Amino acid sequence: MSTPVRSIWDPCVPVPGTPAGFTMRTTFPTNPDGVEVMLEQWEAGTAEPLHSHPGDDMTVVVEGKMVVQFFRRVGGTLEPDGEPLVLSAGQAGYVAAGRIHDARYLEPCRLVYVHNRAFGFVAAEKGAG
């Protein structure tokens, strides 16, 4: 990748309250019906806990490899819902609004993340009803 393309990743910065090894660069939507776009960087071995988002989202893997596991509620617990989704450079993944999932970063990753309307993060607990 050439230097001009790499420059769009600077300055990615750490965000308080997010997992270690995560930095990002974001925009602020001025259109209430628009999308929010983030450039994300994740260090290899880092992970996001169980969570969902209030809007549909799409992740495009620019560099690296990641794994997304979806979950469903069974009684008062969360159980894996299908096989993990492995995404490598050049691939995109889609998550429907409210769908519980986690993410693990197997290699250093650079992602383009697009969220329908303003971004939101809702933590989920395995034992929560």
C-alpha atoms as a PDB file:
ATOM      1  CA  MET A   1       0.000   0.000   0.000  1.00  0.00           C
ATOM      2  CA  SER A   2       1.414   3.405  -0.916  1.00  0.00           C
ATOM      3  CA  THR A   3       2.106   6.197   1.571  1.00  0.00           C
ATOM      4  CA  PRO A   4      -0.817   8.464   0.450  1.00  0.00           C
ATOM      5  CA  VAL A   5      -3.344   5.694   1.197  1.00  0.00           C
ATOM      6  CA  ARG A   6      -1.748   4.991   4.565  1.00  0.00           C
ATOM      7  CA  SER A   7      -2.047   8.667   5.480  1.00  0.00           C
ATOM      8  CA  ILE A   8      -5.841   8.371   5.799  1.00  0.00           C
ATOM      9  CA  TRP A   9      -5.201   6.262   8.920  1.00  0.00           C
ATOM     10  CA  ASP A  10      -3.439   9.136  10.690  1.00  0.00           C
ATOM     11  CA  PRO A  11      -4.314  10.255  13.239  1.00  0.00           C
ATOM     12  CA  CYS A  12      -6.161   7.210  14.560  1.00  0.00           C
ATOM     13  CA  VAL A  13      -6.408   7.667  18.320  1.00  0.00           C
ATOM     14  CA  PRO A  14      -7.344   5.537  21.342  1.00  0.00           C
ATOM     15  CA  VAL A  15     -10.878   6.020  22.647  1.00  0.00           C
ATOM     16  CA  PRO A  16     -11.603   5.929  26.411  1.00  0.00           C
ATOM     17  CA  GLY A  17     -13.739   2.968  27.451  1.00  0.00           C
ATOM     18  CA  THR A  18     -12.839   0.795  24.435  1.00  0.00           C
ATOM     19  CA  PRO A  19     -10.694  -2.368  24.399  1.00  0.00           C
ATOM     20  CA  ALA A  20      -6.916  -2.046  24.522  1.00  0.00           C
ATOM     21  CA  GLY A  21      -5.310  -2.223  21.095  1.00  0.00           C
ATOM     22  CA  PHE A  22      -8.077  -0.239  19.386  1.00  0.00           C
ATOM     23  CA  THR A  23      -7.628   3.126  17.706  1.00  0.00           C
ATOM     24  CA  MET A  24      -9.942   4.932  15.309  1.00  0.00           C
ATOM     25  CA  ARG A  25     -10.696   7.995  13.240  1.00  0.00           C
ATOM     26  CA  THR A  26     -14.326   8.976  12.802  1.00  0.00           C
ATOM     27  CA  THR A  27     -16.727  11.488  11.292  1.00  0.00           C
ATOM     28  CA  PHE A  28     -19.755  13.112  12.875  1.00  0.00           C
ATOM     29  CA  PRO A  29     -22.933  12.783  10.842  1.00  0.00           C
ATOM     30  CA  THR A  30     -24.839  15.971  10.165  1.00  0.00           C
ATOM     31  CA  ASN A  31     -27.607  14.153   8.275  1.00  0.00           C
ATOM     32  CA  PRO A  32     -29.942  12.357  10.751  1.00  0.00           C
ATOM     33  CA  ASP A  33     -30.755   9.826   8.006  1.00  0.00           C
ATOM     34  CA  GLY A  34     -27.100   9.399   7.010  1.00  0.00           C
ATOM     35  CA  VAL A  35     -24.415   6.955   8.062  1.00  0.00           C
ATOM     36  CA  GLU A  36     -21.441   7.207  10.394  1.00  0.00           C
ATOM     37  CA  VAL A  37     -18.106   6.038   9.000  1.00  0.00           C
ATOM     38  CA  MET A  38     -15.044   5.094  11.040  1.00  0.00           C
ATOM     39  CA  LEU A  39     -11.537   4.027  10.149  1.00  0.00           C
ATOM     40  CA  GLU A  40     -10.587   1.428  12.764  1.00  0.00           C
ATOM     41  CA  GLN A  41      -7.268  -0.191  13.660  1.00  0.00           C
ATOM     42  CA  TRP A  42      -7.035  -3.266  15.900  1.00  0.00           C
ATOM     43  CA  GLU A  43      -3.890  -4.951  17.192  1.00  0.00           C
ATOM     44  CA  ALA A  44      -3.565  -8.727  16.729  1.00  0.00           C
ATOM     45  CA  GLY A  45      -4.977 -10.628  19.723  1.00  0.00           C
ATOM     46  CA  THR A  46      -7.455  -7.913  20.741  1.00  0.00           C
ATOM     47  CA  ALA A  47     -11.212  -8.466  20.977  1.00  0.00           C
ATOM     48  CA  GLU A  48     -14.564  -6.764  21.402  1.00  0.00           C
ATOM     49  CA  PRO A  49     -16.933  -8.129  24.070  1.00  0.00           C
ATOM     50  CA  LEU A  50     -20.484  -9.271  23.377  1.00  0.00           C
ATOM     51  CA  HIS A  51     -22.530  -6.331  22.079  1.00  0.00           C
ATOM     52  CA  SER A  52     -25.018  -5.070  19.521  1.00  0.00           C
ATOM     53  CA  HIS A  53     -25.639  -1.832  17.638  1.00  0.00           C
ATOM     54  CA  PRO A  54     -28.882   0.129  17.191  1.00  0.00           C
ATOM     55  CA  GLY A  55     -28.462   0.271  13.399  1.00  0.00           C
ATOM     56  CA  ASP A  56     -27.326  -2.106  10.673  1.00  0.00           C
ATOM     57  CA  ASP A  57     -23.597  -1.992  10.001  1.00  0.00           C
ATOM     58  CA  MET A  58     -20.995  -3.088   7.502  1.00  0.00           C
ATOM     59  CA  THR A  59     -17.305  -3.730   8.078  1.00  0.00           C
ATOM     60  CA  VAL A  60     -14.832  -3.838   5.193  1.00  0.00           C
ATOM     61  CA  VAL A  61     -11.478  -5.417   6.048  1.00  0.00           C
ATOM     62  CA  VAL A  62      -8.728  -3.401   4.375  1.00  0.00           C
ATOM     63  CA  GLU A  63      -5.846  -5.289   6.035  1.00  0.00           C
ATOM     64  CA  GLY A  64      -5.676  -8.279   8.374  1.00  0.00           C
ATOM     65  CA  LYS A  65      -8.001 -11.051   9.518  1.00  0.00           C
ATOM     66  CA  MET A  66     -10.837 -11.033  12.047  1.00  0.00           C
ATOM     67  CA  VAL A  67     -13.531 -13.370  13.356  1.00  0.00           C
ATOM     68  CA  VAL A  68     -17.117 -12.446  14.250  1.00  0.00           C
ATOM     69  CA  GLN A  69     -19.297 -14.800  16.302  1.00  0.00           C
ATOM     70  CA  PHE A  70     -23.051 -14.187  16.422  1.00  0.00           C
ATOM     71  CA  PHE A  71     -25.150 -15.154  19.464  1.00  0.00           C
ATOM     72  CA  ARG A  72     -28.829 -15.780  20.198  1.00  0.00           C
ATOM     73  CA  ARG A  73     -30.730 -15.768  23.456  1.00  0.00           C
ATOM     74  CA  VAL A  74     -31.833 -19.168  24.738  1.00  0.00           C
ATOM     75  CA  GLY A  75     -33.693 -18.804  28.020  1.00  0.00           C
ATOM     76  CA  GLY A  76     -31.606 -16.472  30.146  1.00  0.00           C
ATOM     77  CA  THR A  77     -28.266 -17.098  28.413  1.00  0.00           C
ATOM     78  CA  LEU A  78     -26.562 -16.377  25.116  1.00  0.00           C
ATOM     79  CA  GLU A  79     -25.392 -19.220  22.896  1.00  0.00           C
ATOM     80  CA  PRO A  80     -23.370 -19.133  19.666  1.00  0.00           C
ATOM     81  CA  ASP A  81     -25.593 -18.752  16.600  1.00  0.00           C
ATOM     82  CA  GLY A  82     -23.877 -20.574  13.741  1.00  0.00           C
ATOM     83  CA  GLU A  83     -20.241 -20.899  12.832  1.00  0.00           C
ATOM     84  CA  PRO A  84     -17.894 -17.941  13.309  1.00  0.00           C
ATOM     85  CA  LEU A  85     -17.584 -15.576  10.344  1.00  0.00           C
ATOM     86  CA  VAL A  86     -13.938 -15.157   9.299  1.00  0.00           C
ATOM     87  CA  LEU A  87     -13.162 -11.995   7.328  1.00  0.00           C
ATOM     88  CA  SER A  88      -9.864 -11.302   5.564  1.00  0.00           C
ATOM     89  CA  ALA A  89      -8.531  -8.352   3.575  1.00  0.00           C
ATOM     90  CA  GLY A  90     -10.930  -7.417   0.789  1.00  0.00           C
ATOM     91  CA  GLN A  91     -14.002  -8.980   2.419  1.00  0.00           C
ATOM     92  CA  ALA A  92     -17.036  -7.316   4.011  1.00  0.00           C
ATOM     93  CA  GLY A  93     -19.323  -8.421   6.828  1.00  0.00           C
ATOM     94  CA  TYR A  94     -22.852  -7.241   7.641  1.00  0.00           C
ATOM     95  CA  VAL A  95     -24.566  -7.160  11.034  1.00  0.00           C
ATOM     96  CA  ALA A  96     -28.282  -6.450  11.406  1.00  0.00           C
ATOM     97  CA  ALA A  97     -29.405  -3.926  14.021  1.00  0.00           C
ATOM     98  CA  GLY A  98     -29.720  -5.504  17.455  1.00  0.00           C
ATOM     99  CA  ARG A  99     -27.866  -8.734  16.519  1.00  0.00           C
ATOM    100  CA  ILE A 100     -25.576  -9.752  19.380  1.00  0.00           C
ATOM    101  CA  HIS A 101     -22.002 -10.541  18.382  1.00  0.00           C
ATOM    102  CA  ASP A 102     -18.375 -10.307  19.412  1.00  0.00           C
ATOM    103  CA  ALA A 103     -15.240  -9.792  17.335  1.00  0.00           C
ATOM    104  CA  ARG A 104     -11.670 -11.060  17.609  1.00  0.00           C
ATOM    105  CA  TYR A 105      -8.731  -9.717  15.652  1.00  0.00           C
ATOM    106  CA  LEU A 106      -6.382 -12.531  14.594  1.00  0.00           C
ATOM    107  CA  GLU A 107      -3.972 -10.225  12.751  1.00  0.00           C
ATOM    108  CA  PRO A 108      -3.401  -6.484  12.914  1.00  0.00           C
ATOM    109  CA  CYS A 109      -6.526  -5.089  11.219  1.00  0.00           C
ATOM    110  CA  ARG A 110      -7.500  -1.931   9.413  1.00  0.00           C
ATOM    111  CA  LEU A 111     -11.239  -1.655   8.842  1.00  0.00           C
ATOM    112  CA  VAL A 112     -13.697   0.705   7.236  1.00  0.00           C
ATOM    113  CA  TYR A 113     -16.783   0.559   9.444  1.00  0.00           C
ATOM    114  CA  VAL A 114     -20.119   1.992   8.259  1.00  0.00           C
ATOM    115  CA  HIS A 115     -23.056   2.267  10.686  1.00  0.00           C
ATOM    116  CA  ASN A 116     -26.589   3.205   9.669  1.00  0.00           C
ATOM    117  CA  ARG A 117     -27.285   6.567  11.352  1.00  0.00           C
ATOM    118  CA  ALA A 118     -25.228   7.578  14.405  1.00  0.00           C
ATOM    119  CA  PHE A 119     -23.086   4.845  15.954  1.00  0.00           C
ATOM    120  CA  GLY A 120     -24.203   3.119  19.145  1.00  0.00           C
ATOM    121  CA  PHE A 121     -22.784   0.284  21.258  1.00  0.00           C
ATOM    122  CA  VAL A 122     -24.951  -1.841  23.564  1.00  0.00           C
ATOM    123  CA  ALA A 123     -23.031  -4.251  25.813  1.00  0.00           C
ATOM    124  CA  ALA A 124     -24.522  -7.725  26.231  1.00  0.00           C
ATOM    125  CA  GLU A 125     -23.904 -10.237  28.993  1.00  0.00           C
ATOM    126  CA  LYS A 126     -24.087 -13.999  28.508  1.00  0.00           C
ATOM    127  CA  GLY A 127     -26.313 -14.465  31.546  1.00  0.00           C
ATOM    128  CA  ALA A 128     -28.500 -11.390  31.007  1.00  0.00           C
ATOM    129  CA  GLY A 129     -32.157 -12.059  30.309  1.00  0.00           C
END
